[in-house]
Amino acid sequence: QVQLVESGGGLVQAGGSLRLSCTVSGDTFSEYTMGWFRQAPGKVREFVAALSWSAGNSGVPDYAVSVKGRFTISRDIADNTVNLQMNSLKPEDTAVYYCAADEKFSRVRIGIPDLWGQGTQVSVSS
């Protein structure tokens, strides 16, 4: 059984940085498209970033317009981990951030992945 466990959330001032991590266990990490979503109170879950799988490299990233240029998704195969480096954080980035995984990029991208993590809170103060 595959499990996704997020970590790295916290409270940061506007303009600061955080690095989220999602550790995968129970399956072959490198064969999955990995993604990040976020959900603020009273809001729908929103796509943030995704990283497709490809043999021999770290994959092809995709980002929401709202985070492009500020966030970077990456994977560390040796550590069985996907990361989200978040720079220049804004109060509007405040949300619970969820890790996602699926064998198909399209399912992650549109928000119906096979697997979800349980989330980690990111709070950005103004």
N, C-alpha and C. Protein backbone atom coordinates (compact mmCIF):
# COMPACT_ATOMS: atom_id res chain seq x y z
N GLN A 1 0.85 -1.18 0.00
CA GLN A 1 0.00 0.00 0.00
C GLN A 1 0.89 1.24 0.00
N VAL A 2 0.61 2.17 -0.92
CA VAL A 2 1.39 3.40 -1.04
C VAL A 2 0.86 4.43 -0.06
N GLN A 3 1.79 5.14 0.60
CA GLN A 3 1.44 6.23 1.50
C GLN A 3 2.23 7.48 1.13
N LEU A 4 1.57 8.64 1.26
CA LEU A 4 2.20 9.93 1.04
C LEU A 4 2.15 10.71 2.35
N VAL A 5 3.29 11.21 2.80
CA VAL A 5 3.37 11.95 4.06
C VAL A 5 4.05 13.28 3.80
N GLU A 6 3.31 14.39 4.02
CA GLU A 6 3.85 15.73 3.82
C GLU A 6 4.51 16.25 5.09
N SER A 7 5.48 17.14 4.91
CA SER A 7 6.11 17.82 6.03
C SER A 7 6.67 19.16 5.55
N GLY A 8 7.04 20.02 6.48
CA GLY A 8 7.70 21.27 6.15
C GLY A 8 6.84 22.51 6.24
N GLY A 9 5.55 22.35 6.52
CA GLY A 9 4.69 23.51 6.67
C GLY A 9 5.01 24.30 7.93
N GLY A 10 4.45 25.50 8.01
CA GLY A 10 4.67 26.34 9.17
C GLY A 10 4.18 27.74 8.94
N LEU A 11 4.60 28.64 9.83
CA LEU A 11 4.22 30.05 9.78
C LEU A 11 5.42 30.87 9.33
N VAL A 12 5.21 31.72 8.33
CA VAL A 12 6.29 32.54 7.79
C VAL A 12 5.74 33.92 7.44
N GLN A 13 6.59 34.93 7.50
CA GLN A 13 6.20 36.27 7.11
C GLN A 13 6.19 36.41 5.59
N ALA A 14 5.36 37.32 5.10
CA ALA A 14 5.32 37.60 3.67
C ALA A 14 6.72 37.90 3.14
N GLY A 15 7.04 37.32 1.98
CA GLY A 15 8.36 37.47 1.40
C GLY A 15 9.33 36.38 1.79
N GLY A 16 8.97 35.56 2.76
CA GLY A 16 9.82 34.48 3.22
C GLY A 16 9.69 33.23 2.38
N SER A 17 10.35 32.17 2.84
CA SER A 17 10.40 30.91 2.09
C SER A 17 10.11 29.72 2.99
N LEU A 18 9.55 28.69 2.39
CA LEU A 18 9.37 27.39 3.03
C LEU A 18 9.67 26.31 2.01
N ARG A 19 10.06 25.15 2.49
CA ARG A 19 10.30 23.99 1.64
C ARG A 19 9.45 22.83 2.15
N LEU A 20 8.48 22.41 1.35
CA LEU A 20 7.64 21.27 1.68
C LEU A 20 8.23 20.00 1.10
N SER A 21 8.04 18.90 1.80
CA SER A 21 8.49 17.60 1.32
C SER A 21 7.36 16.59 1.42
N CYS A 22 7.35 15.65 0.49
CA CYS A 22 6.38 14.56 0.48
C CYS A 22 7.15 13.27 0.31
N THR A 23 7.11 12.42 1.31
CA THR A 23 7.81 11.15 1.27
C THR A 23 6.85 10.04 0.85
N VAL A 24 7.29 9.23 -0.10
CA VAL A 24 6.48 8.15 -0.66
C VAL A 24 7.01 6.82 -0.15
N SER A 25 6.11 5.95 0.28
CA SER A 25 6.49 4.61 0.71
C SER A 25 5.54 3.59 0.12
N GLY A 26 6.02 2.36 -0.07
CA GLY A 26 5.17 1.25 -0.46
C GLY A 26 5.08 0.97 -1.95
N ASP A 27 5.74 1.75 -2.80
CA ASP A 27 5.71 1.53 -4.23
C ASP A 27 6.93 2.17 -4.88
N THR A 28 7.02 2.05 -6.21
CA THR A 28 8.14 2.59 -6.96
C THR A 28 7.91 4.08 -7.21
N PHE A 29 8.60 4.91 -6.46
CA PHE A 29 8.42 6.35 -6.51
C PHE A 29 8.63 6.93 -7.89
N SER A 30 9.64 6.48 -8.60
CA SER A 30 10.03 7.09 -9.87
C SER A 30 9.03 6.88 -10.99
N GLU A 31 8.06 5.98 -10.84
CA GLU A 31 7.07 5.71 -11.88
C GLU A 31 5.81 6.55 -11.75
N TYR A 32 5.72 7.43 -10.77
CA TYR A 32 4.53 8.25 -10.52
C TYR A 32 4.76 9.70 -10.92
N THR A 33 3.71 10.32 -11.48
CA THR A 33 3.63 11.76 -11.52
C THR A 33 3.27 12.26 -10.12
N MET A 34 4.03 13.22 -9.63
CA MET A 34 3.80 13.79 -8.30
C MET A 34 3.31 15.23 -8.45
N GLY A 35 2.43 15.64 -7.54
CA GLY A 35 1.91 16.99 -7.59
C GLY A 35 1.63 17.57 -6.23
N TRP A 36 1.37 18.88 -6.22
CA TRP A 36 0.99 19.61 -5.02
C TRP A 36 -0.28 20.40 -5.30
N PHE A 37 -1.23 20.34 -4.36
CA PHE A 37 -2.44 21.13 -4.37
C PHE A 37 -2.53 21.88 -3.06
N ARG A 38 -3.42 22.87 -3.01
CA ARG A 38 -3.65 23.59 -1.76
C ARG A 38 -5.12 23.93 -1.63
N GLN A 39 -5.56 24.07 -0.38
CA GLN A 39 -6.95 24.39 -0.11
C GLN A 39 -7.03 25.31 1.10
N ALA A 40 -7.58 26.50 0.89
CA ALA A 40 -7.83 27.44 1.96
C ALA A 40 -9.24 27.24 2.49
N PRO A 41 -9.53 27.66 3.73
CA PRO A 41 -10.88 27.50 4.28
C PRO A 41 -11.94 28.13 3.39
N GLY A 42 -12.99 27.37 3.09
CA GLY A 42 -14.08 27.86 2.26
C GLY A 42 -13.78 27.90 0.77
N LYS A 43 -12.62 27.41 0.36
CA LYS A 43 -12.22 27.42 -1.04
C LYS A 43 -12.12 26.00 -1.57
N VAL A 44 -12.18 25.86 -2.90
CA VAL A 44 -11.96 24.57 -3.53
C VAL A 44 -10.47 24.25 -3.55
N ARG A 45 -10.17 22.97 -3.67
CA ARG A 45 -8.78 22.56 -3.77
C ARG A 45 -8.20 23.03 -5.10
N GLU A 46 -7.00 23.63 -5.05
CA GLU A 46 -6.41 24.32 -6.18
C GLU A 46 -5.09 23.66 -6.58
N PHE A 47 -4.90 23.47 -7.87
CA PHE A 47 -3.65 22.95 -8.39
C PHE A 47 -2.52 23.94 -8.15
N VAL A 48 -1.36 23.43 -7.74
CA VAL A 48 -0.18 24.25 -7.51
C VAL A 48 0.94 23.88 -8.47
N ALA A 49 1.34 22.61 -8.48
CA ALA A 49 2.47 22.17 -9.30
C ALA A 49 2.42 20.67 -9.49
N ALA A 50 3.04 20.18 -10.57
CA ALA A 50 3.14 18.76 -10.83
C ALA A 50 4.45 18.47 -11.54
N LEU A 51 4.92 17.24 -11.38
CA LEU A 51 6.17 16.79 -11.99
C LEU A 51 5.94 15.42 -12.59
N SER A 52 5.99 15.33 -13.93
CA SER A 52 5.74 14.07 -14.62
C SER A 52 6.95 13.15 -14.52
N TRP A 53 6.69 11.85 -14.65
CA TRP A 53 7.77 10.86 -14.63
C TRP A 53 8.30 10.65 -16.04
N SER A 54 9.59 10.48 -16.15
CA SER A 54 10.22 10.05 -17.39
C SER A 54 11.49 9.31 -17.06
N ALA A 55 11.79 8.28 -17.86
CA ALA A 55 12.97 7.46 -17.61
C ALA A 55 14.24 8.27 -17.80
N GLY A 56 15.15 8.15 -16.85
CA GLY A 56 16.47 8.73 -16.99
C GLY A 56 16.60 10.20 -16.62
N ASN A 57 15.53 10.84 -16.15
CA ASN A 57 15.61 12.22 -15.71
C ASN A 57 14.58 12.48 -14.62
N SER A 58 14.55 13.71 -14.12
CA SER A 58 13.70 14.05 -12.98
C SER A 58 12.29 14.45 -13.37
N GLY A 59 11.94 14.47 -14.66
CA GLY A 59 10.60 14.77 -15.10
C GLY A 59 10.43 16.20 -15.60
N VAL A 60 9.20 16.49 -16.08
CA VAL A 60 8.86 17.78 -16.65
C VAL A 60 7.88 18.48 -15.72
N PRO A 61 8.21 19.69 -15.24
CA PRO A 61 7.34 20.38 -14.28
C PRO A 61 6.23 21.18 -14.95
N ASP A 62 5.15 21.40 -14.21
CA ASP A 62 4.06 22.27 -14.61
C ASP A 62 3.61 23.04 -13.38
N TYR A 63 3.23 24.33 -13.55
CA TYR A 63 2.88 25.19 -12.43
C TYR A 63 1.61 25.96 -12.70
N ALA A 64 0.88 26.25 -11.63
CA ALA A 64 -0.21 27.20 -11.71
C ALA A 64 0.35 28.59 -11.97
N VAL A 65 -0.40 29.41 -12.70
CA VAL A 65 0.04 30.76 -13.01
C VAL A 65 0.33 31.55 -11.72
N SER A 66 -0.46 31.33 -10.69
CA SER A 66 -0.33 32.09 -9.46
C SER A 66 0.98 31.86 -8.71
N VAL A 67 1.66 30.74 -8.99
CA VAL A 67 2.91 30.43 -8.29
C VAL A 67 4.11 30.37 -9.21
N LYS A 68 3.91 30.45 -10.51
CA LYS A 68 5.00 30.34 -11.47
C LYS A 68 6.03 31.44 -11.23
N GLY A 69 7.29 31.04 -11.18
CA GLY A 69 8.37 31.98 -10.90
C GLY A 69 8.71 32.11 -9.44
N ARG A 70 7.84 31.62 -8.56
CA ARG A 70 8.08 31.67 -7.12
C ARG A 70 8.29 30.29 -6.50
N PHE A 71 7.59 29.28 -7.03
CA PHE A 71 7.66 27.92 -6.48
C PHE A 71 8.42 27.02 -7.45
N THR A 72 9.11 26.03 -6.91
CA THR A 72 9.83 25.04 -7.71
C THR A 72 9.55 23.65 -7.17
N ILE A 73 9.07 22.75 -8.04
CA ILE A 73 8.85 21.37 -7.66
C ILE A 73 10.05 20.54 -8.14
N SER A 74 10.48 19.61 -7.31
CA SER A 74 11.60 18.75 -7.65
C SER A 74 11.44 17.41 -6.96
N ARG A 75 12.21 16.43 -7.39
CA ARG A 75 12.16 15.12 -6.75
C ARG A 75 13.56 14.63 -6.44
N ASP A 76 13.67 13.87 -5.35
CA ASP A 76 14.91 13.25 -4.94
C ASP A 76 14.65 11.76 -4.88
N ILE A 77 15.03 11.05 -5.94
CA ILE A 77 14.72 9.63 -6.03
C ILE A 77 15.41 8.84 -4.93
N ALA A 78 16.64 9.21 -4.61
CA ALA A 78 17.39 8.50 -3.57
C ALA A 78 16.68 8.56 -2.22
N ASP A 79 16.03 9.69 -1.92
CA ASP A 79 15.34 9.87 -0.65
C ASP A 79 13.85 9.55 -0.74
N ASN A 80 13.37 9.13 -1.93
CA ASN A 80 11.96 8.80 -2.14
C ASN A 80 11.05 9.97 -1.78
N THR A 81 11.43 11.16 -2.24
CA THR A 81 10.79 12.40 -1.81
C THR A 81 10.56 13.34 -2.98
N VAL A 82 9.42 14.03 -2.98
CA VAL A 82 9.18 15.15 -3.88
C VAL A 82 9.10 16.41 -3.02
N ASN A 83 9.68 17.51 -3.51
CA ASN A 83 9.78 18.74 -2.75
C ASN A 83 9.08 19.89 -3.46
N LEU A 84 8.66 20.87 -2.68
CA LEU A 84 8.12 22.12 -3.21
C LEU A 84 8.81 23.27 -2.50
N GLN A 85 9.74 23.92 -3.20
CA GLN A 85 10.41 25.10 -2.68
C GLN A 85 9.55 26.32 -2.96
N MET A 86 9.15 27.03 -1.92
CA MET A 86 8.25 28.17 -2.03
C MET A 86 8.98 29.43 -1.60
N ASN A 87 9.20 30.33 -2.53
CA ASN A 87 9.87 31.60 -2.27
C ASN A 87 8.91 32.76 -2.47
N SER A 88 9.27 33.92 -1.95
CA SER A 88 8.46 35.13 -2.08
C SER A 88 7.01 34.88 -1.70
N LEU A 89 6.80 34.25 -0.56
CA LEU A 89 5.46 33.86 -0.14
C LEU A 89 4.58 35.07 0.14
N LYS A 90 3.30 34.92 -0.19
CA LYS A 90 2.29 35.95 0.00
C LYS A 90 1.20 35.44 0.93
N PRO A 91 0.47 36.34 1.61
CA PRO A 91 -0.65 35.89 2.44
C PRO A 91 -1.65 35.02 1.69
N GLU A 92 -1.86 35.26 0.41
CA GLU A 92 -2.78 34.47 -0.39
C GLU A 92 -2.31 33.04 -0.60
N ASP A 93 -1.06 32.73 -0.27
CA ASP A 93 -0.55 31.37 -0.33
C ASP A 93 -0.96 30.54 0.89
N THR A 94 -1.56 31.17 1.89
CA THR A 94 -1.98 30.47 3.10
C THR A 94 -3.01 29.40 2.76
N ALA A 95 -2.74 28.16 3.13
CA ALA A 95 -3.62 27.04 2.82
C ALA A 95 -3.03 25.77 3.43
N VAL A 96 -3.83 24.71 3.41
CA VAL A 96 -3.30 23.37 3.64
C VAL A 96 -2.79 22.85 2.30
N TYR A 97 -1.56 22.40 2.27
CA TYR A 97 -0.93 21.90 1.05
C TYR A 97 -0.94 20.38 1.06
N TYR A 98 -1.41 19.80 -0.04
CA TYR A 98 -1.56 18.36 -0.17
C TYR A 98 -0.66 17.81 -1.27
N CYS A 99 0.01 16.73 -0.97
CA CYS A 99 0.77 15.98 -1.96
C CYS A 99 -0.16 15.03 -2.70
N ALA A 100 0.10 14.81 -3.99
CA ALA A 100 -0.72 13.93 -4.81
C ALA A 100 0.17 13.06 -5.69
N ALA A 101 -0.33 11.87 -6.05
CA ALA A 101 0.43 10.96 -6.90
C ALA A 101 -0.50 10.12 -7.77
N ASP A 102 -0.07 9.86 -8.99
CA ASP A 102 -0.79 9.00 -9.92
C ASP A 102 0.17 8.55 -11.00
N GLU A 103 -0.14 7.43 -11.64
CA GLU A 103 0.66 6.97 -12.77
C GLU A 103 0.47 7.83 -14.01
N LYS A 104 -0.63 8.62 -14.07
CA LYS A 104 -0.92 9.48 -15.22
C LYS A 104 -0.83 10.94 -14.83
N PHE A 105 -0.05 11.70 -15.59
CA PHE A 105 0.08 13.13 -15.36
C PHE A 105 -1.27 13.84 -15.41
N SER A 106 -2.12 13.48 -16.37
CA SER A 106 -3.38 14.19 -16.57
C SER A 106 -4.28 14.09 -15.34
N ARG A 107 -4.29 12.94 -14.67
CA ARG A 107 -5.12 12.78 -13.48
C ARG A 107 -4.63 13.62 -12.32
N VAL A 108 -3.33 13.76 -12.19
CA VAL A 108 -2.79 14.66 -11.17
C VAL A 108 -3.13 16.11 -11.53
N ARG A 109 -2.93 16.48 -12.76
CA ARG A 109 -3.12 17.86 -13.18
C ARG A 109 -4.54 18.37 -12.96
N ILE A 110 -5.55 17.53 -13.19
CA ILE A 110 -6.94 17.96 -13.04
C ILE A 110 -7.51 17.66 -11.66
N GLY A 111 -6.71 17.10 -10.77
CA GLY A 111 -7.13 16.98 -9.38
C GLY A 111 -7.83 15.70 -8.99
N ILE A 112 -7.65 14.62 -9.76
CA ILE A 112 -8.24 13.33 -9.41
C ILE A 112 -7.16 12.24 -9.36
N PRO A 113 -6.10 12.46 -8.60
CA PRO A 113 -5.04 11.45 -8.51
C PRO A 113 -5.49 10.22 -7.74
N ASP A 114 -4.76 9.12 -7.92
CA ASP A 114 -5.05 7.92 -7.15
C ASP A 114 -4.79 8.10 -5.66
N LEU A 115 -3.80 8.94 -5.33
CA LEU A 115 -3.34 9.06 -3.95
C LEU A 115 -3.25 10.50 -3.50
N TRP A 116 -3.67 10.75 -2.26
CA TRP A 116 -3.53 12.05 -1.60
C TRP A 116 -2.79 11.87 -0.28
N GLY A 117 -1.96 12.84 0.05
CA GLY A 117 -1.47 12.94 1.42
C GLY A 117 -2.50 13.60 2.31
N GLN A 118 -2.21 13.70 3.60
CA GLN A 118 -3.15 14.27 4.55
C GLN A 118 -2.98 15.76 4.77
N GLY A 119 -1.96 16.36 4.19
CA GLY A 119 -1.83 17.80 4.18
C GLY A 119 -0.90 18.35 5.24
N THR A 120 -0.32 19.53 4.94
CA THR A 120 0.50 20.27 5.88
C THR A 120 0.14 21.75 5.77
N GLN A 121 0.00 22.42 6.92
CA GLN A 121 -0.48 23.79 6.95
C GLN A 121 0.64 24.77 6.64
N VAL A 122 0.37 25.70 5.73
CA VAL A 122 1.26 26.82 5.44
C VAL A 122 0.50 28.10 5.74
N SER A 123 1.06 28.94 6.61
CA SER A 123 0.44 30.21 6.97
C SER A 123 1.42 31.34 6.72
N VAL A 124 1.00 32.34 5.97
CA VAL A 124 1.85 33.47 5.60
C VAL A 124 1.22 34.74 6.17
N SER A 125 1.93 35.41 7.05
CA SER A 125 1.43 36.63 7.68
C SER A 125 1.86 37.85 6.88
N SER A 126 1.03 38.89 6.93
CA SER A 126 1.32 40.12 6.21
C SER A 126 2.10 41.10 7.08
